Amino acid sequence: MQAILLTAGLSSRFVPFRDLPHKSAFKIMGKMLIEYTIESIRKSEINDIIVVVSHDSSIPNLLGNGDKYGVSIQYAYQKDSTGMGGAILSARELITAPRFFVLHPYHIDFYEYKAELEQHDGVVLLSKPQSDISEYGNLVMDGDRVTDVIEKSQDSTNGDKNRIIGIYLLNQEFIKTLENTSLEHYQFENALAIFVKSNITHAVKIQENNISLKYTWNLFQLKNYLLESLESYKSDSADIKQNVIIEGNVVISDGERMIEGAI
């Protein structure tokens, strides 16, 4: 199994941090979001990762070959910002697995969904019921089967109001459909709409709030998710005085000093 991370986008909405190589390079608790995502992928027992980058990206220098994360990272270079379709096709020579995951590099919650997505054969999508679907792709469903995909630029009143979440389990047959779909910004979504009409495609529905990084204020959601999943750690070299009160999950790093009476 392989996982493809898409980092060639322009992050145009990510003001005032547009000087980052990608919005997933934003650091929380000293670590880039894409690093948390790589750790989540590795926890899911996937060690073969392809990162799609722009030609002038510094992401390869930041991540390296993956050794420090316990995975193998290869890079595919997307010439132009032509959407998800172009990103996936730029990596097609590196995609050797019969089925593979495609996800945005801020999906630090990937581990939570991977096993359930794999329970179905073929292409599997992740979705969430949502009343206002105007800014998202929308799935038309028949049970857990996907029968159509309606992109946000079209009439958002159609469909079943099932928002597409940016974690996809795709296969080589879908690649063929993508290659035969006209190149444009919504090439991926158009190919998906064609594919589901003639190929069995399932969707896994979630009810809980999912991770998103469309706007900068979504960083607060990511921060909260990381804090809630934090495992307590206290370094042996930390200087913790008497009568210190420590409650909840905390990380006390090397060299930290907590004075007497601190809470």
Protein backbone atom coordinates (compact mmCIF):
# COMPACT_ATOMS: atom_id res chain seq x y z
CA MET A 1 0.00 0.00 0.00
CA GLN A 2 1.15 3.53 -0.78
CA ALA A 3 0.06 6.99 0.39
CA ILE A 4 0.28 10.14 -1.73
CA LEU A 5 0.48 13.55 -0.06
CA LEU A 6 -0.46 16.61 -2.11
CA THR A 7 1.70 19.67 -1.34
CA ALA A 8 1.94 21.44 -4.71
CA GLY A 9 -1.04 23.74 -4.07
CA LEU A 10 -0.63 27.49 -3.73
CA SER A 11 -2.26 27.79 -0.26
CA SER A 12 -3.79 31.05 -1.50
CA ARG A 13 -6.23 31.34 1.43
CA PHE A 14 -3.53 30.83 4.05
CA VAL A 15 -2.92 34.50 4.85
CA PRO A 16 -0.67 35.70 6.54
CA PHE A 17 1.49 32.56 6.26
CA ARG A 18 1.78 32.36 2.50
CA ASP A 19 5.58 32.52 2.70
CA LEU A 20 5.61 28.91 3.90
CA PRO A 21 6.59 26.26 1.30
CA HIS A 22 3.11 24.82 1.92
CA LYS A 23 0.52 25.37 4.64
CA SER A 24 1.26 21.89 5.97
CA ALA A 25 4.76 23.18 6.84
CA PHE A 26 3.21 25.25 9.64
CA LYS A 27 4.60 24.12 12.98
CA ILE A 28 2.56 23.27 16.07
CA MET A 29 4.44 22.19 19.19
CA GLY A 30 7.70 22.34 17.27
CA LYS A 31 6.72 19.99 14.45
CA MET A 32 5.33 20.58 10.95
CA LEU A 33 1.79 19.39 10.29
CA ILE A 34 3.01 17.22 7.42
CA GLU A 35 5.33 15.47 9.88
CA TYR A 36 2.37 14.59 12.10
CA THR A 37 0.60 13.25 9.01
CA ILE A 38 3.60 11.11 8.05
CA GLU A 39 3.64 9.70 11.59
CA SER A 40 -0.09 8.93 11.29
CA ILE A 41 0.55 7.12 7.99
CA ARG A 42 3.40 5.12 9.50
CA LYS A 43 1.18 4.22 12.47
CA SER A 44 -1.24 2.84 9.85
CA GLU A 45 1.53 0.48 8.69
CA ILE A 46 2.12 2.27 5.40
CA ASN A 47 5.80 2.96 4.80
CA ASP A 48 5.80 3.93 1.11
CA ILE A 49 4.93 7.61 0.72
CA ILE A 50 4.90 9.81 -2.39
CA VAL A 51 4.88 13.57 -1.86
CA VAL A 52 3.74 15.71 -4.79
CA VAL A 53 5.53 19.07 -4.78
CA SER A 54 5.99 22.07 -7.04
CA HIS A 55 9.33 22.39 -8.84
CA ASP A 56 10.60 25.15 -6.54
CA SER A 57 9.36 23.58 -3.31
CA SER A 58 11.64 23.27 -0.27
CA ILE A 59 9.56 20.39 1.10
CA PRO A 60 12.06 17.74 -0.14
CA ASN A 61 14.84 19.49 1.80
CA LEU A 62 12.69 19.62 4.93
CA LEU A 63 11.55 15.98 4.85
CA GLY A 64 14.43 14.21 3.12
CA ASN A 65 14.08 10.58 2.09
CA GLY A 66 11.93 9.66 5.09
CA ASP A 67 14.57 7.80 7.10
CA LYS A 68 14.09 10.02 10.14
CA TYR A 69 10.38 9.12 10.17
CA GLY A 70 10.85 5.42 9.57
CA VAL A 71 9.32 5.54 6.07
CA SER A 72 10.42 5.84 2.44
CA ILE A 73 9.56 9.15 0.75
CA GLN A 74 9.70 9.71 -3.00
CA TYR A 75 8.89 13.01 -4.70
CA ALA A 76 6.79 13.73 -7.78
CA TYR A 77 7.02 17.19 -9.31
CA GLN A 78 3.87 18.89 -10.58
CA LYS A 79 4.69 21.38 -13.35
CA ASP A 80 1.63 23.58 -13.02
CA SER A 81 -1.04 24.10 -10.41
CA THR A 82 -3.68 22.08 -12.26
CA GLY A 83 -5.58 20.71 -9.27
CA MET A 84 -5.67 17.24 -7.75
CA GLY A 85 -5.91 15.47 -11.09
CA GLY A 86 -2.64 16.92 -12.32
CA ALA A 87 -1.01 16.19 -8.97
CA ILE A 88 -1.94 12.50 -9.05
CA LEU A 89 -0.93 12.09 -12.69
CA SER A 90 2.46 13.67 -11.97
CA ALA A 91 3.06 10.74 -9.59
CA ARG A 92 1.64 7.96 -11.80
CA GLU A 93 5.04 6.42 -12.62
CA LEU A 94 5.75 6.07 -8.89
CA ILE A 95 2.36 4.55 -8.07
CA THR A 96 2.93 0.81 -8.14
CA ALA A 97 0.36 -0.44 -5.63
CA PRO A 98 -2.99 -1.79 -6.92
CA ARG A 99 -4.72 0.52 -4.43
CA PHE A 100 -3.30 3.65 -2.82
CA PHE A 101 -4.39 6.48 -0.55
CA VAL A 102 -4.43 10.11 -1.60
CA LEU A 103 -4.75 12.73 1.11
CA HIS A 104 -3.98 16.30 1.98
CA PRO A 105 -0.84 16.60 4.12
CA TYR A 106 -2.64 18.10 7.13
CA HIS A 107 -4.73 14.98 7.73
CA ILE A 108 -3.00 14.11 10.97
CA ASP A 109 -6.12 12.02 11.74
CA PHE A 110 -5.50 9.58 8.84
CA TYR A 111 -4.88 6.65 11.19
CA GLU A 112 -8.45 6.89 12.52
CA TYR A 113 -10.01 6.16 9.12
CA LYS A 114 -7.54 3.96 7.24
CA ALA A 115 -8.73 0.55 8.50
CA GLU A 116 -12.42 1.26 7.88
CA LEU A 117 -11.76 2.51 4.35
CA GLU A 118 -9.82 -0.67 3.55
CA GLN A 119 -12.76 -2.88 4.49
CA HIS A 120 -14.33 -2.14 1.09
CA ASP A 121 -13.06 -3.23 -2.31
CA GLY A 122 -12.21 -0.85 -5.12
CA VAL A 123 -12.36 2.92 -4.74
CA VAL A 124 -13.53 4.16 -1.36
CA LEU A 125 -14.29 7.76 -0.38
CA LEU A 126 -14.64 9.42 3.02
CA SER A 127 -17.71 11.59 3.53
CA LYS A 128 -19.64 13.50 6.16
CA PRO A 129 -23.29 14.65 6.17
CA GLN A 130 -23.41 18.45 6.03
CA SER A 131 -26.33 20.83 5.55
CA ASP A 132 -24.38 23.54 3.70
CA ILE A 133 -22.55 21.77 0.91
CA SER A 134 -21.92 24.84 -1.29
CA GLU A 135 -18.13 24.93 -0.74
CA TYR A 136 -17.50 21.20 -1.03
CA GLY A 137 -17.81 18.27 -3.38
CA ASN A 138 -21.08 16.42 -2.82
CA LEU A 139 -21.72 12.67 -3.06
CA VAL A 140 -25.00 11.21 -4.29
CA MET A 141 -25.50 7.95 -2.39
CA ASP A 142 -27.48 4.74 -2.64
CA GLY A 143 -26.81 3.13 0.73
CA ASP A 144 -23.02 3.13 1.00
CA ARG A 145 -22.63 3.16 -2.80
CA VAL A 146 -21.65 6.39 -4.55
CA THR A 147 -23.67 6.99 -7.72
CA ASP A 148 -22.59 10.53 -8.61
CA VAL A 149 -20.22 13.33 -7.61
CA ILE A 150 -21.37 16.94 -7.81
CA GLU A 151 -18.63 19.54 -7.63
CA LYS A 152 -19.15 22.73 -5.59
CA SER A 153 -19.19 24.91 -8.70
CA GLN A 154 -22.43 23.23 -9.75
CA ASP A 155 -25.92 23.39 -8.23
CA SER A 156 -25.29 22.69 -4.53
CA THR A 157 -28.99 21.97 -3.91
CA ASN A 158 -28.66 18.64 -5.73
CA GLY A 159 -27.42 15.45 -4.17
CA ASP A 160 -27.68 14.05 -0.67
CA LYS A 161 -25.52 16.65 1.07
CA ASN A 162 -22.64 14.29 1.77
CA ARG A 163 -19.48 16.35 1.87
CA ILE A 164 -16.33 14.74 0.48
CA ILE A 165 -13.50 14.58 3.00
CA GLY A 166 -9.99 14.77 1.57
CA ILE A 167 -8.90 11.16 2.16
CA TYR A 168 -9.35 8.86 -0.85
CA LEU A 169 -8.61 5.17 -1.42
CA LEU A 170 -8.10 4.88 -5.17
CA ASN A 171 -6.93 2.18 -7.59
CA GLN A 172 -5.18 1.75 -10.93
CA GLU A 173 -8.51 1.66 -12.80
CA PHE A 174 -9.25 5.16 -11.57
CA ILE A 175 -5.87 6.33 -12.88
CA LYS A 176 -6.93 5.20 -16.36
CA THR A 177 -10.16 7.21 -16.08
CA LEU A 178 -8.22 10.23 -14.86
CA GLU A 179 -5.81 10.05 -17.79
CA ASN A 180 -8.76 10.10 -20.20
CA THR A 181 -10.45 13.09 -18.55
CA SER A 182 -9.88 16.60 -19.90
CA LEU A 183 -7.13 18.54 -18.12
CA GLU A 184 -8.61 21.36 -16.05
CA HIS A 185 -8.75 22.44 -12.41
CA TYR A 186 -11.60 20.02 -11.61
CA GLN A 187 -10.16 17.14 -13.62
CA PHE A 188 -10.05 14.90 -10.54
CA GLU A 189 -13.65 15.61 -9.56
CA ASN A 190 -14.87 15.14 -13.15
CA ALA A 191 -12.98 11.83 -13.43
CA LEU A 192 -14.49 10.68 -10.15
CA ALA A 193 -18.00 11.51 -11.39
CA ILE A 194 -17.35 9.46 -14.55
CA PHE A 195 -15.76 6.59 -12.65
CA VAL A 196 -18.56 6.07 -10.08
CA LYS A 197 -21.17 5.68 -12.84
CA SER A 198 -19.54 2.52 -14.18
CA ASN A 199 -17.48 1.21 -11.25
CA ILE A 200 -18.63 0.20 -7.79
CA THR A 201 -17.49 2.93 -5.43
CA HIS A 202 -18.17 2.97 -1.70
CA ALA A 203 -18.21 5.79 0.81
CA VAL A 204 -17.53 5.64 4.53
CA LYS A 205 -19.57 8.21 6.44
CA ILE A 206 -18.25 9.88 9.56
CA GLN A 207 -20.24 11.96 12.02
CA GLU A 208 -17.49 13.58 14.08
CA ASN A 209 -15.72 16.82 13.21
CA ASN A 210 -12.91 16.12 10.79
CA ILE A 211 -9.59 17.86 10.30
CA SER A 212 -9.50 20.69 7.77
CA LEU A 213 -6.99 23.41 6.89
CA LYS A 214 -8.82 25.51 4.36
CA TYR A 215 -8.31 28.73 6.33
CA THR A 216 -5.80 29.88 8.94
CA TRP A 217 -8.33 29.71 11.77
CA ASN A 218 -8.53 25.95 11.23
CA LEU A 219 -5.12 25.84 12.93
CA PHE A 220 -6.92 26.11 16.27
CA GLN A 221 -8.79 22.89 15.50
CA LEU A 222 -5.54 21.14 14.62
CA LYS A 223 -3.90 22.42 17.79
CA ASN A 224 -6.78 21.13 19.91
CA TYR A 225 -6.69 17.74 18.19
CA LEU A 226 -2.97 17.39 18.88
CA LEU A 227 -3.32 18.46 22.51
CA GLU A 228 -6.20 16.04 23.10
CA SER A 229 -4.20 13.15 21.65
CA LEU A 230 -1.05 14.11 23.50
CA GLU A 231 0.71 11.42 25.51
CA SER A 232 2.23 12.64 28.76
CA TYR A 233 6.01 12.79 28.87
CA LYS A 234 8.38 14.03 31.56
CA SER A 235 12.06 14.20 30.73
CA ASP A 236 14.50 12.81 33.29
CA SER A 237 16.60 15.92 32.79
CA ALA A 238 13.75 18.32 33.61
CA ASP A 239 14.23 20.30 36.83
CA ILE A 240 10.92 20.04 38.71
CA LYS A 241 10.92 21.56 42.22
CA GLN A 242 8.82 20.41 45.17
CA ASN A 243 5.12 21.27 45.53
CA VAL A 244 4.64 21.56 41.77
CA ILE A 245 1.10 20.69 40.66
CA ILE A 246 0.88 18.86 37.31
CA GLU A 247 -2.57 17.92 35.98
CA GLY A 248 -3.72 16.32 32.72
CA ASN A 249 -1.57 15.30 29.76
CA VAL A 250 1.58 17.40 29.64
CA VAL A 251 4.96 17.30 27.92
CA ILE A 252 7.92 18.44 29.97
CA SER A 253 10.95 18.48 27.69
CA ASP A 254 14.67 18.17 28.32
CA GLY A 255 16.07 21.06 30.34
CA GLU A 256 12.68 22.47 31.36
CA ARG A 257 12.58 24.08 34.82
CA MET A 258 9.46 24.31 36.98
CA ILE A 259 9.87 26.43 40.10
CA GLU A 260 8.47 25.50 43.51
CA GLY A 261 4.70 26.05 43.77
CA ALA A 262 4.16 26.17 39.99
CA ILE A 263 0.86 24.85 38.66
